[in-house]
Amino acid sequence: MLEELKQRYLNFAEFEARNYSPSYWSFTTAVADDARVLELLATLPRAKQQPNLLLAVVRLLHGVVGSGREFCHVVTRDWDRIQPEILARSTQTNEPARCAVLLPVLAGLAEPIVLIEVGTSAGLCLFPDKYTYDYGRVQLVSGESAAPAFSCEVNKKTPLPSKLPEISWRGGIDIHPLSVMDEQDMEWLRLLVWPEHTERLENLNRAIQVAKKSPAEILEGDLVAGLEALVSRAPGDASTVVFHSAVLAYLPVGEREAFRRIVADLDLTWISNEHPSVFPDIVNQSTVEVTPDRFLLAVDGTPVAMTGPHGQSIDWF
């Protein structure tokens, strides 16, 4: 158990934090080398042992500490307060910049579009038509005042859209949905943005303001058991899309496959933007090298691109 936990934190440090957050790289590297912290984490359910959750809870209670050694000291000293917060919360990172990797797929569908997200958190990724994008050779500007603006590096093969999509209905499902109208919920979302990512935080705040104008319909429920009911609520005169990003990695393999079977039986387009480990058989279809520091974008189970984990890049196959 401890060796598995150690490797989990080392993998996070190496493949997720190294190039994006020096502080989180330092903290998670230190955790992997601290037997006492690993022993404390081992007392939690496996789903609660994830690095992002520990990092955000420590920020909630102590702010951003100075070093990896100090981080481990804080965890061991204040475990009595940290543990219940971890058990009560979940990582519900709502990264609206991931809409930038969604648009090239939406651009190939008939409009209008019904957009459904599973594991939707506060639903900020349900507004790709309300944001502004810079793909280098193509810019798409939203009519929303103070809309977030996302820069996304793309390769020459990426089929960039010429306009923002027409979305006629949007909805989501989450086991513990967050509300854009609840300031405590939104503060938790802000804590899930890594400390160095000031531009991400600014765009998150702008996306929250956009969503507040007309919040999406979000159901509380399990994304496997509740998907068909959610799809049935949507209007039937549009192209229906079900998508998820950095969500299914938190489900057991059996539940991922159950979700996949349900999606396959529905008349819709399925867009998956997940870590390559989530669906190994989809990875095996790719003729391009898939790396663990990026996500794999797939449409109806076919891989189409590698993407930056925060929506910052697309390399189309």
C-alpha atoms as a PDB file:
ATOM      1  CA  MET A   1       0.000   0.000   0.000  1.00  0.00           C
ATOM      2  CA  LEU A   2       2.673   2.537   0.987  1.00  0.00           C
ATOM      3  CA  GLU A   3       4.784   1.733  -2.062  1.00  0.00           C
ATOM      4  CA  GLU A   4       1.763   2.203  -4.325  1.00  0.00           C
ATOM      5  CA  LEU A   5       0.984   5.545  -2.661  1.00  0.00           C
ATOM      6  CA  LYS A   6       4.587   6.640  -3.012  1.00  0.00           C
ATOM      7  CA  GLN A   7       4.521   5.866  -6.730  1.00  0.00           C
ATOM      8  CA  ARG A   8       1.210   7.666  -7.141  1.00  0.00           C
ATOM      9  CA  TYR A   9       2.681  10.871  -5.720  1.00  0.00           C
ATOM     10  CA  LEU A  10       5.892  10.483  -7.696  1.00  0.00           C
ATOM     11  CA  ASN A  11       3.887  10.037 -10.901  1.00  0.00           C
ATOM     12  CA  PHE A  12       1.883  13.155 -10.131  1.00  0.00           C
ATOM     13  CA  ALA A  13       5.061  15.116  -9.476  1.00  0.00           C
ATOM     14  CA  GLU A  14       6.800  13.894 -12.633  1.00  0.00           C
ATOM     15  CA  PHE A  15       3.998  13.776 -15.199  1.00  0.00           C
ATOM     16  CA  GLU A  16       1.523  16.396 -13.996  1.00  0.00           C
ATOM     17  CA  ALA A  17       3.240  19.002 -11.814  1.00  0.00           C
ATOM     18  CA  ARG A  18       6.862  19.195 -13.008  1.00  0.00           C
ATOM     19  CA  ASN A  19       6.256  21.419 -16.033  1.00  0.00           C
ATOM     20  CA  TYR A  20       3.268  23.278 -14.619  1.00  0.00           C
ATOM     21  CA  SER A  21       3.648  23.917 -10.879  1.00  0.00           C
ATOM     22  CA  PRO A  22       7.049  24.048  -9.117  1.00  0.00           C
ATOM     23  CA  SER A  23       5.374  24.247  -5.708  1.00  0.00           C
ATOM     24  CA  TYR A  24       3.166  21.191  -6.258  1.00  0.00           C
ATOM     25  CA  TRP A  25       6.108  19.298  -7.705  1.00  0.00           C
ATOM     26  CA  SER A  26       8.046  20.065  -4.520  1.00  0.00           C
ATOM     27  CA  PHE A  27       5.158  19.137  -2.210  1.00  0.00           C
ATOM     28  CA  THR A  28       4.267  15.834  -3.866  1.00  0.00           C
ATOM     29  CA  THR A  29       7.895  14.787  -4.219  1.00  0.00           C
ATOM     30  CA  ALA A  30       8.319  15.397  -0.486  1.00  0.00           C
ATOM     31  CA  VAL A  31       5.160  13.419   0.334  1.00  0.00           C
ATOM     32  CA  ALA A  32       6.479  10.447  -1.654  1.00  0.00           C
ATOM     33  CA  ASP A  33       9.619  10.501   0.507  1.00  0.00           C
ATOM     34  CA  ASP A  34       7.851  10.900   3.871  1.00  0.00           C
ATOM     35  CA  ALA A  35       6.778   7.590   5.413  1.00  0.00           C
ATOM     36  CA  ARG A  36       4.665   9.243   8.109  1.00  0.00           C
ATOM     37  CA  VAL A  37       2.572  11.233   5.611  1.00  0.00           C
ATOM     38  CA  LEU A  38       2.120   8.127   3.457  1.00  0.00           C
ATOM     39  CA  GLU A  39       0.937   6.190   6.507  1.00  0.00           C
ATOM     40  CA  LEU A  40      -1.669   8.887   7.227  1.00  0.00           C
ATOM     41  CA  LEU A  41      -2.857   8.888   3.617  1.00  0.00           C
ATOM     42  CA  ALA A  42      -3.120   5.097   3.701  1.00  0.00           C
ATOM     43  CA  THR A  43      -5.863   5.396   6.346  1.00  0.00           C
ATOM     44  CA  LEU A  44      -8.106   7.118   3.781  1.00  0.00           C
ATOM     45  CA  PRO A  45     -10.282   5.413   1.158  1.00  0.00           C
ATOM     46  CA  ARG A  46      -8.299   5.068  -2.057  1.00  0.00           C
ATOM     47  CA  ALA A  47     -10.372   7.683  -3.879  1.00  0.00           C
ATOM     48  CA  LYS A  48      -9.454  10.208  -1.177  1.00  0.00           C
ATOM     49  CA  GLN A  49      -5.705   9.605  -1.390  1.00  0.00           C
ATOM     50  CA  GLN A  50      -5.283  11.605  -4.598  1.00  0.00           C
ATOM     51  CA  PRO A  51      -2.655  14.379  -4.641  1.00  0.00           C
ATOM     52  CA  ASN A  52      -4.930  17.177  -5.887  1.00  0.00           C
ATOM     53  CA  LEU A  53      -7.316  16.669  -2.979  1.00  0.00           C
ATOM     54  CA  LEU A  54      -4.591  16.754  -0.328  1.00  0.00           C
ATOM     55  CA  LEU A  55      -2.967  19.797  -1.940  1.00  0.00           C
ATOM     56  CA  ALA A  56      -6.237  21.756  -2.086  1.00  0.00           C
ATOM     57  CA  VAL A  57      -7.264  20.933   1.492  1.00  0.00           C
ATOM     58  CA  VAL A  58      -3.891  22.037   2.857  1.00  0.00           C
ATOM     59  CA  ARG A  59      -4.312  25.302   0.913  1.00  0.00           C
ATOM     60  CA  LEU A  60      -7.800  25.679   2.363  1.00  0.00           C
ATOM     61  CA  LEU A  61      -6.505  25.412   5.925  1.00  0.00           C
ATOM     62  CA  HIS A  62      -2.971  26.831   5.643  1.00  0.00           C
ATOM     63  CA  GLY A  63      -2.558  28.656   2.345  1.00  0.00           C
ATOM     64  CA  VAL A  64       0.445  27.849   0.144  1.00  0.00           C
ATOM     65  CA  VAL A  65       3.282  26.682   2.384  1.00  0.00           C
ATOM     66  CA  GLY A  66       6.930  27.383   1.620  1.00  0.00           C
ATOM     67  CA  SER A  67       8.602  24.046   0.926  1.00  0.00           C
ATOM     68  CA  GLY A  68       8.034  20.322   0.571  1.00  0.00           C
ATOM     69  CA  ARG A  69       9.438  19.713   4.010  1.00  0.00           C
ATOM     70  CA  GLU A  70       7.117  22.321   5.532  1.00  0.00           C
ATOM     71  CA  PHE A  71       4.165  20.828   3.648  1.00  0.00           C
ATOM     72  CA  CYS A  72       4.779  17.404   5.180  1.00  0.00           C
ATOM     73  CA  HIS A  73       5.198  18.958   8.614  1.00  0.00           C
ATOM     74  CA  VAL A  74       1.836  20.728   8.270  1.00  0.00           C
ATOM     75  CA  VAL A  75       0.108  17.507   7.208  1.00  0.00           C
ATOM     76  CA  THR A  76       1.409  15.481  10.157  1.00  0.00           C
ATOM     77  CA  ARG A  77       0.875  18.282  12.683  1.00  0.00           C
ATOM     78  CA  ASP A  78      -2.674  19.169  11.582  1.00  0.00           C
ATOM     79  CA  TRP A  79      -3.977  15.800  10.389  1.00  0.00           C
ATOM     80  CA  ASP A  80      -6.919  15.952  12.804  1.00  0.00           C
ATOM     81  CA  ARG A  81      -8.304  18.896  10.819  1.00  0.00           C
ATOM     82  CA  ILE A  82      -7.045  17.869   7.383  1.00  0.00           C
ATOM     83  CA  GLN A  83      -8.528  14.361   7.424  1.00  0.00           C
ATOM     84  CA  PRO A  84     -12.210  15.339   7.866  1.00  0.00           C
ATOM     85  CA  GLU A  85     -11.916  18.002   5.157  1.00  0.00           C
ATOM     86  CA  ILE A  86     -10.504  15.431   2.743  1.00  0.00           C
ATOM     87  CA  LEU A  87     -13.305  12.999   3.563  1.00  0.00           C
ATOM     88  CA  ALA A  88     -15.962  15.691   3.069  1.00  0.00           C
ATOM     89  CA  ARG A  89     -14.659  17.062  -0.238  1.00  0.00           C
ATOM     90  CA  SER A  90     -13.715  15.896  -3.714  1.00  0.00           C
ATOM     91  CA  THR A  91     -11.594  17.215  -6.551  1.00  0.00           C
ATOM     92  CA  GLN A  92     -14.078  18.943  -8.823  1.00  0.00           C
ATOM     93  CA  THR A  93     -11.713  21.036 -10.875  1.00  0.00           C
ATOM     94  CA  ASN A  94     -13.816  22.940 -13.374  1.00  0.00           C
ATOM     95  CA  GLU A  95     -11.313  23.950 -16.048  1.00  0.00           C
ATOM     96  CA  PRO A  96     -13.269  25.971 -18.632  1.00  0.00           C
ATOM     97  CA  ALA A  97     -10.162  26.219 -20.852  1.00  0.00           C
ATOM     98  CA  ARG A  98     -10.799  22.581 -21.809  1.00  0.00           C
ATOM     99  CA  CYS A  99     -13.604  23.943 -23.991  1.00  0.00           C
ATOM    100  CA  ALA A 100     -10.835  24.918 -26.417  1.00  0.00           C
ATOM    101  CA  VAL A 101     -10.162  21.252 -27.199  1.00  0.00           C
ATOM    102  CA  LEU A 102     -13.880  20.529 -27.445  1.00  0.00           C
ATOM    103  CA  LEU A 103     -14.596  23.057 -30.219  1.00  0.00           C
ATOM    104  CA  PRO A 104     -12.761  21.273 -33.086  1.00  0.00           C
ATOM    105  CA  VAL A 105     -15.031  18.260 -32.549  1.00  0.00           C
ATOM    106  CA  LEU A 106     -18.216  20.308 -32.157  1.00  0.00           C
ATOM    107  CA  ALA A 107     -17.373  22.149 -35.384  1.00  0.00           C
ATOM    108  CA  GLY A 108     -17.916  18.928 -37.352  1.00  0.00           C
ATOM    109  CA  LEU A 109     -21.447  18.323 -36.041  1.00  0.00           C
ATOM    110  CA  ALA A 110     -24.802  19.478 -37.354  1.00  0.00           C
ATOM    111  CA  GLU A 111     -26.263  22.387 -35.396  1.00  0.00           C
ATOM    112  CA  PRO A 112     -27.944  23.144 -33.117  1.00  0.00           C
ATOM    113  CA  ILE A 113     -26.187  21.083 -30.454  1.00  0.00           C
ATOM    114  CA  VAL A 114     -27.438  19.683 -27.163  1.00  0.00           C
ATOM    115  CA  LEU A 115     -24.423  19.609 -24.851  1.00  0.00           C
ATOM    116  CA  ILE A 116     -24.364  17.235 -21.885  1.00  0.00           C
ATOM    117  CA  GLU A 117     -21.436  16.882 -19.483  1.00  0.00           C
ATOM    118  CA  VAL A 118     -20.959  14.089 -16.966  1.00  0.00           C
ATOM    119  CA  GLY A 119     -18.940  14.893 -13.861  1.00  0.00           C
ATOM    120  CA  THR A 120     -19.803  18.502 -14.540  1.00  0.00           C
ATOM    121  CA  SER A 121     -18.914  20.080 -11.169  1.00  0.00           C
ATOM    122  CA  ALA A 122     -20.315  23.632 -11.471  1.00  0.00           C
ATOM    123  CA  GLY A 123     -20.969  23.306 -15.200  1.00  0.00           C
ATOM    124  CA  LEU A 124     -18.418  25.862 -16.433  1.00  0.00           C
ATOM    125  CA  CYS A 125     -17.430  23.634 -19.378  1.00  0.00           C
ATOM    126  CA  LEU A 126     -21.021  23.745 -20.646  1.00  0.00           C
ATOM    127  CA  PHE A 127     -20.556  27.244 -22.081  1.00  0.00           C
ATOM    128  CA  PRO A 128     -18.064  26.829 -24.960  1.00  0.00           C
ATOM    129  CA  ASP A 129     -20.200  29.186 -27.056  1.00  0.00           C
ATOM    130  CA  LYS A 130     -19.788  31.998 -24.517  1.00  0.00           C
ATOM    131  CA  TYR A 131     -15.976  32.114 -24.310  1.00  0.00           C
ATOM    132  CA  THR A 132     -13.226  33.641 -26.467  1.00  0.00           C
ATOM    133  CA  TYR A 133     -10.426  31.554 -28.040  1.00  0.00           C
ATOM    134  CA  ASP A 134      -7.053  32.166 -29.646  1.00  0.00           C
ATOM    135  CA  TYR A 135      -5.749  29.229 -31.699  1.00  0.00           C
ATOM    136  CA  GLY A 136      -2.971  31.238 -33.324  1.00  0.00           C
ATOM    137  CA  ARG A 137      -4.217  31.140 -36.901  1.00  0.00           C
ATOM    138  CA  VAL A 138      -7.867  31.420 -35.848  1.00  0.00           C
ATOM    139  CA  GLN A 139      -9.498  33.620 -33.212  1.00  0.00           C
ATOM    140  CA  LEU A 140     -13.089  33.279 -32.052  1.00  0.00           C
ATOM    141  CA  VAL A 141     -14.525  36.163 -30.045  1.00  0.00           C
ATOM    142  CA  SER A 142     -17.546  35.818 -27.793  1.00  0.00           C
ATOM    143  CA  GLY A 143     -20.169  38.520 -27.532  1.00  0.00           C
ATOM    144  CA  GLU A 144     -20.181  38.095 -23.760  1.00  0.00           C
ATOM    145  CA  SER A 145     -18.822  41.058 -21.842  1.00  0.00           C
ATOM    146  CA  ALA A 146     -15.674  40.183 -19.859  1.00  0.00           C
ATOM    147  CA  ALA A 147     -15.687  36.613 -21.226  1.00  0.00           C
ATOM    148  CA  PRO A 148     -12.670  34.442 -20.372  1.00  0.00           C
ATOM    149  CA  ALA A 149     -10.096  34.185 -23.153  1.00  0.00           C
ATOM    150  CA  PHE A 150      -8.276  30.911 -23.757  1.00  0.00           C
ATOM    151  CA  SER A 151      -5.066  30.445 -25.741  1.00  0.00           C
ATOM    152  CA  CYS A 152      -4.564  26.994 -27.240  1.00  0.00           C
ATOM    153  CA  GLU A 153      -1.569  25.849 -29.288  1.00  0.00           C
ATOM    154  CA  VAL A 154      -2.574  23.611 -32.194  1.00  0.00           C
ATOM    155  CA  ASN A 155      -0.767  21.614 -34.859  1.00  0.00           C
ATOM    156  CA  LYS A 156      -1.472  22.014 -38.594  1.00  0.00           C
ATOM    157  CA  LYS A 157      -3.826  19.020 -38.705  1.00  0.00           C
ATOM    158  CA  THR A 158      -6.264  20.393 -36.136  1.00  0.00           C
ATOM    159  CA  PRO A 159      -9.642  21.168 -37.806  1.00  0.00           C
ATOM    160  CA  LEU A 160     -10.263  24.577 -36.295  1.00  0.00           C
ATOM    161  CA  PRO A 161     -13.806  25.964 -36.182  1.00  0.00           C
ATOM    162  CA  SER A 162     -14.701  29.106 -38.116  1.00  0.00           C
ATOM    163  CA  LYS A 163     -17.318  30.203 -35.577  1.00  0.00           C
ATOM    164  CA  LEU A 164     -18.618  29.490 -32.109  1.00  0.00           C
ATOM    165  CA  PRO A 165     -21.088  26.587 -31.875  1.00  0.00           C
ATOM    166  CA  GLU A 166     -24.844  27.009 -31.651  1.00  0.00           C
ATOM    167  CA  ILE A 167     -25.955  25.283 -28.455  1.00  0.00           C
ATOM    168  CA  SER A 168     -29.679  24.970 -27.926  1.00  0.00           C
ATOM    169  CA  TRP A 169     -29.631  23.196 -24.552  1.00  0.00           C
ATOM    170  CA  ARG A 170     -26.996  22.377 -21.962  1.00  0.00           C
ATOM    171  CA  GLY A 171     -27.087  20.154 -18.910  1.00  0.00           C
ATOM    172  CA  GLY A 172     -24.899  18.079 -16.638  1.00  0.00           C
ATOM    173  CA  ILE A 173     -24.783  15.509 -13.883  1.00  0.00           C
ATOM    174  CA  ASP A 174     -22.487  15.240 -10.870  1.00  0.00           C
ATOM    175  CA  ILE A 175     -22.512  13.183  -7.707  1.00  0.00           C
ATOM    176  CA  HIS A 176     -21.950  16.398  -5.709  1.00  0.00           C
ATOM    177  CA  PRO A 177     -22.688  19.344  -8.011  1.00  0.00           C
ATOM    178  CA  LEU A 178     -21.379  22.784  -7.153  1.00  0.00           C
ATOM    179  CA  SER A 179     -23.424  25.924  -7.636  1.00  0.00           C
ATOM    180  CA  VAL A 180     -22.081  29.055  -9.302  1.00  0.00           C
ATOM    181  CA  MET A 181     -24.467  30.963  -7.014  1.00  0.00           C
ATOM    182  CA  ASP A 182     -22.789  29.596  -3.853  1.00  0.00           C
ATOM    183  CA  GLU A 183     -19.647  31.532  -2.919  1.00  0.00           C
ATOM    184  CA  GLN A 184     -18.257  28.734  -0.727  1.00  0.00           C
ATOM    185  CA  ASP A 185     -18.565  26.300  -3.636  1.00  0.00           C
ATOM    186  CA  MET A 186     -16.762  28.742  -5.907  1.00  0.00           C
ATOM    187  CA  GLU A 187     -13.992  29.340  -3.386  1.00  0.00           C
ATOM    188  CA  TRP A 188     -13.334  25.594  -3.375  1.00  0.00           C
ATOM    189  CA  LEU A 189     -13.043  25.701  -7.177  1.00  0.00           C
ATOM    190  CA  ARG A 190     -10.513  28.517  -6.871  1.00  0.00           C
ATOM    191  CA  LEU A 191      -8.431  26.481  -4.423  1.00  0.00           C
ATOM    192  CA  LEU A 192      -8.252  23.674  -6.985  1.00  0.00           C
ATOM    193  CA  VAL A 193      -6.408  25.973  -9.413  1.00  0.00           C
ATOM    194  CA  TRP A 194      -2.672  25.469  -8.910  1.00  0.00           C
ATOM    195  CA  PRO A 195      -0.917  28.370  -7.135  1.00  0.00           C
ATOM    196  CA  GLU A 196       1.228  29.565 -10.047  1.00  0.00           C
ATOM    197  CA  HIS A 197      -1.655  29.597 -12.521  1.00  0.00           C
ATOM    198  CA  THR A 198      -2.844  33.177 -12.111  1.00  0.00           C
ATOM    199  CA  GLU A 199      -4.237  33.399 -15.660  1.00  0.00           C
ATOM    200  CA  ARG A 200      -6.258  30.209 -15.122  1.00  0.00           C
ATOM    201  CA  LEU A 201      -7.670  31.692 -11.931  1.00  0.00           C
ATOM    202  CA  GLU A 202      -8.648  34.930 -13.665  1.00  0.00           C
ATOM    203  CA  ASN A 203     -10.381  32.993 -16.444  1.00  0.00           C
ATOM    204  CA  LEU A 204     -12.142  30.792 -13.888  1.00  0.00           C
ATOM    205  CA  ASN A 205     -13.576  33.873 -12.212  1.00  0.00           C
ATOM    206  CA  ARG A 206     -14.721  35.235 -15.570  1.00  0.00           C
ATOM    207  CA  ALA A 207     -16.325  31.901 -16.484  1.00  0.00           C
ATOM    208  CA  ILE A 208     -18.203  31.895 -13.173  1.00  0.00           C
ATOM    209  CA  GLN A 209     -19.664  35.303 -14.017  1.00  0.00           C
ATOM    210  CA  VAL A 210     -20.760  34.046 -17.453  1.00  0.00           C
ATOM    211  CA  ALA A 211     -22.429  30.967 -15.949  1.00  0.00           C
ATOM    212  CA  LYS A 212     -24.224  33.024 -13.300  1.00  0.00           C
ATOM    213  CA  LYS A 213     -26.196  34.845 -16.009  1.00  0.00           C
ATOM    214  CA  SER A 214     -27.995  31.658 -17.018  1.00  0.00           C
ATOM    215  CA  PRO A 215     -26.856  28.607 -15.001  1.00  0.00           C
ATOM    216  CA  ALA A 216     -26.989  25.246 -16.758  1.00  0.00           C
ATOM    217  CA  GLU A 217     -29.364  22.540 -15.560  1.00  0.00           C
ATOM    218  CA  ILE A 218     -27.262  20.204 -13.406  1.00  0.00           C
ATOM    219  CA  LEU A 219     -28.654  17.055 -11.815  1.00  0.00           C
ATOM    220  CA  GLU A 220     -27.283  15.483  -8.675  1.00  0.00           C
ATOM    221  CA  GLY A 221     -26.586  11.833  -9.309  1.00  0.00           C
ATOM    222  CA  ASP A 222     -24.301   9.069 -10.450  1.00  0.00           C
ATOM    223  CA  LEU A 223     -23.026   9.546 -14.003  1.00  0.00           C
ATOM    224  CA  VAL A 224     -23.575   5.858 -14.816  1.00  0.00           C
ATOM    225  CA  ALA A 225     -27.029   5.380 -13.305  1.00  0.00           C
ATOM    226  CA  GLY A 226     -28.285   8.855 -14.184  1.00  0.00           C
ATOM    227  CA  LEU A 227     -27.021   9.379 -17.726  1.00  0.00           C
ATOM    228  CA  GLU A 228     -30.032   8.025 -19.632  1.00  0.00           C
ATOM    229  CA  ALA A 229     -32.452  10.116 -17.565  1.00  0.00           C
ATOM    230  CA  LEU A 230     -30.425  13.250 -18.243  1.00  0.00           C
ATOM    231  CA  VAL A 231     -30.274  12.580 -21.986  1.00  0.00           C
ATOM    232  CA  SER A 232     -34.039  12.041 -22.029  1.00  0.00           C
ATOM    233  CA  ARG A 233     -34.582  15.566 -20.641  1.00  0.00           C
ATOM    234  CA  ALA A 234     -32.855  17.178 -23.616  1.00  0.00           C
ATOM    235  CA  PRO A 235     -34.746  18.391 -26.710  1.00  0.00           C
ATOM    236  CA  GLY A 236     -34.738  15.807 -29.485  1.00  0.00           C
ATOM    237  CA  ASP A 237     -34.350  18.170 -32.448  1.00  0.00           C
ATOM    238  CA  ALA A 238     -30.585  18.698 -32.169  1.00  0.00           C
ATOM    239  CA  SER A 239     -27.247  16.871 -32.297  1.00  0.00           C
ATOM    240  CA  THR A 240     -26.750  15.409 -28.833  1.00  0.00           C
ATOM    241  CA  VAL A 241     -23.225  15.361 -27.402  1.00  0.00           C
ATOM    242  CA  VAL A 242     -22.131  13.710 -24.160  1.00  0.00           C
ATOM    243  CA  PHE A 243     -18.644  14.668 -23.034  1.00  0.00           C
ATOM    244  CA  HIS A 244     -16.337  14.417 -20.059  1.00  0.00           C
ATOM    245  CA  SER A 245     -12.849  15.633 -19.232  1.00  0.00           C
ATOM    246  CA  ALA A 246     -10.613  14.398 -16.389  1.00  0.00           C
ATOM    247  CA  VAL A 247     -13.580  12.601 -14.814  1.00  0.00           C
ATOM    248  CA  LEU A 248     -13.591   8.857 -15.512  1.00  0.00           C
ATOM    249  CA  ALA A 249     -10.113   8.404 -14.031  1.00  0.00           C
ATOM    250  CA  TYR A 250     -11.829   8.677 -10.644  1.00  0.00           C
ATOM    251  CA  LEU A 251     -14.153   5.743 -11.364  1.00  0.00           C
ATOM    252  CA  PRO A 252     -13.338   2.047 -10.939  1.00  0.00           C
ATOM    253  CA  VAL A 253     -12.663   0.241 -14.218  1.00  0.00           C
ATOM    254  CA  GLY A 254     -15.991  -1.610 -14.041  1.00  0.00           C
ATOM    255  CA  GLU A 255     -17.963   1.648 -13.812  1.00  0.00           C
ATOM    256  CA  ARG A 256     -16.013   3.151 -16.725  1.00  0.00           C
ATOM    257  CA  GLU A 257     -16.985   0.209 -18.888  1.00  0.00           C
ATOM    258  CA  ALA A 258     -20.606   0.363 -17.736  1.00  0.00           C
ATOM    259  CA  PHE A 259     -20.718   4.047 -18.717  1.00  0.00           C
ATOM    260  CA  ARG A 260     -19.168   3.219 -22.065  1.00  0.00           C
ATOM    261  CA  ARG A 261     -21.796   0.570 -22.797  1.00  0.00           C
ATOM    262  CA  ILE A 262     -24.624   2.985 -21.978  1.00  0.00           C
ATOM    263  CA  VAL A 263     -23.189   5.709 -24.227  1.00  0.00           C
ATOM    264  CA  ALA A 264     -22.785   3.220 -27.081  1.00  0.00           C
ATOM    265  CA  ASP A 265     -26.473   2.336 -26.898  1.00  0.00           C
ATOM    266  CA  LEU A 266     -27.633   5.957 -27.116  1.00  0.00           C
ATOM    267  CA  ASP A 267     -28.075   7.948 -30.313  1.00  0.00           C
ATOM    268  CA  LEU A 268     -25.452  10.638 -29.680  1.00  0.00           C
ATOM    269  CA  THR A 269     -21.835  11.703 -30.092  1.00  0.00           C
ATOM    270  CA  TRP A 270     -19.497  10.740 -27.248  1.00  0.00           C
ATOM    271  CA  ILE A 271     -16.436  12.935 -26.614  1.00  0.00           C
ATOM    272  CA  SER A 272     -13.850  11.718 -24.110  1.00  0.00           C
ATOM    273  CA  ASN A 273     -10.903  13.861 -22.968  1.00  0.00           C
ATOM    274  CA  GLU A 274      -9.089  11.793 -20.355  1.00  0.00           C
ATOM    275  CA  HIS A 275      -5.722  10.550 -19.186  1.00  0.00           C
ATOM    276  CA  PRO A 276      -4.540   7.759 -21.519  1.00  0.00           C
ATOM    277  CA  SER A 277      -4.754   5.194 -18.716  1.00  0.00           C
ATOM    278  CA  VAL A 278      -8.557   5.495 -18.566  1.00  0.00           C
ATOM    279  CA  PHE A 279      -9.235   3.558 -21.795  1.00  0.00           C
ATOM    280  CA  PRO A 280      -6.111   1.546 -22.762  1.00  0.00           C
ATOM    281  CA  ASP A 281      -7.856  -0.026 -25.772  1.00  0.00           C
ATOM    282  CA  ILE A 282      -8.483   3.424 -27.254  1.00  0.00           C
ATOM    283  CA  VAL A 283      -4.805   4.240 -26.773  1.00  0.00           C
ATOM    284  CA  ASN A 284      -3.900   1.056 -28.642  1.00  0.00           C
ATOM    285  CA  GLN A 285      -5.783   2.311 -31.704  1.00  0.00           C
ATOM    286  CA  SER A 286      -3.480   5.311 -32.009  1.00  0.00           C
ATOM    287  CA  THR A 287      -0.604   5.282 -34.492  1.00  0.00           C
ATOM    288  CA  VAL A 288       0.927   8.291 -32.734  1.00  0.00           C
ATOM    289  CA  GLU A 289       2.884   8.057 -29.483  1.00  0.00           C
ATOM    290  CA  VAL A 290       0.655   8.736 -26.487  1.00  0.00           C
ATOM    291  CA  THR A 291       2.394  10.272 -23.464  1.00  0.00           C
ATOM    292  CA  PRO A 292       1.264  10.224 -19.810  1.00  0.00           C
ATOM    293  CA  ASP A 293       1.675  13.985 -19.349  1.00  0.00           C
ATOM    294  CA  ARG A 294      -1.208  14.773 -21.723  1.00  0.00           C
ATOM    295  CA  PHE A 295      -4.823  13.746 -22.249  1.00  0.00           C
ATOM    296  CA  LEU A 296      -6.226  11.634 -25.068  1.00  0.00           C
ATOM    297  CA  LEU A 297      -9.159  13.148 -26.965  1.00  0.00           C
ATOM    298  CA  ALA A 298     -11.460  10.536 -28.515  1.00  0.00           C
ATOM    299  CA  VAL A 299     -14.754  10.687 -30.423  1.00  0.00           C
ATOM    300  CA  ASP A 300     -17.057   7.672 -30.170  1.00  0.00           C
ATOM    301  CA  GLY A 301     -14.129   5.587 -28.952  1.00  0.00           C
ATOM    302  CA  THR A 302     -11.726   6.626 -31.725  1.00  0.00           C
ATOM    303  CA  PRO A 303      -8.615   8.627 -30.740  1.00  0.00           C
ATOM    304  CA  VAL A 304      -8.278  11.961 -32.561  1.00  0.00           C
ATOM    305  CA  ALA A 305      -5.732  14.069 -30.654  1.00  0.00           C
ATOM    306  CA  MET A 306      -3.470  14.554 -27.666  1.00  0.00           C
ATOM    307  CA  THR A 307      -4.418  17.576 -25.555  1.00  0.00           C
ATOM    308  CA  GLY A 308      -2.895  19.645 -22.774  1.00  0.00           C
ATOM    309  CA  PRO A 309      -4.465  18.703 -19.413  1.00  0.00           C
ATOM    310  CA  HIS A 310      -5.699  22.256 -18.894  1.00  0.00           C
ATOM    311  CA  GLY A 311      -6.820  22.789 -22.483  1.00  0.00           C
ATOM    312  CA  GLN A 312      -3.651  24.600 -23.484  1.00  0.00           C
ATOM    313  CA  SER A 313      -2.797  22.540 -26.565  1.00  0.00           C
ATOM    314  CA  ILE A 314      -4.098  20.167 -29.256  1.00  0.00           C
ATOM    315  CA  ASP A 315      -2.038  17.845 -31.426  1.00  0.00           C
ATOM    316  CA  TRP A 316      -4.478  16.312 -33.892  1.00  0.00           C
ATOM    317  CA  PHE A 317      -3.722  12.887 -35.352  1.00  0.00           C
END
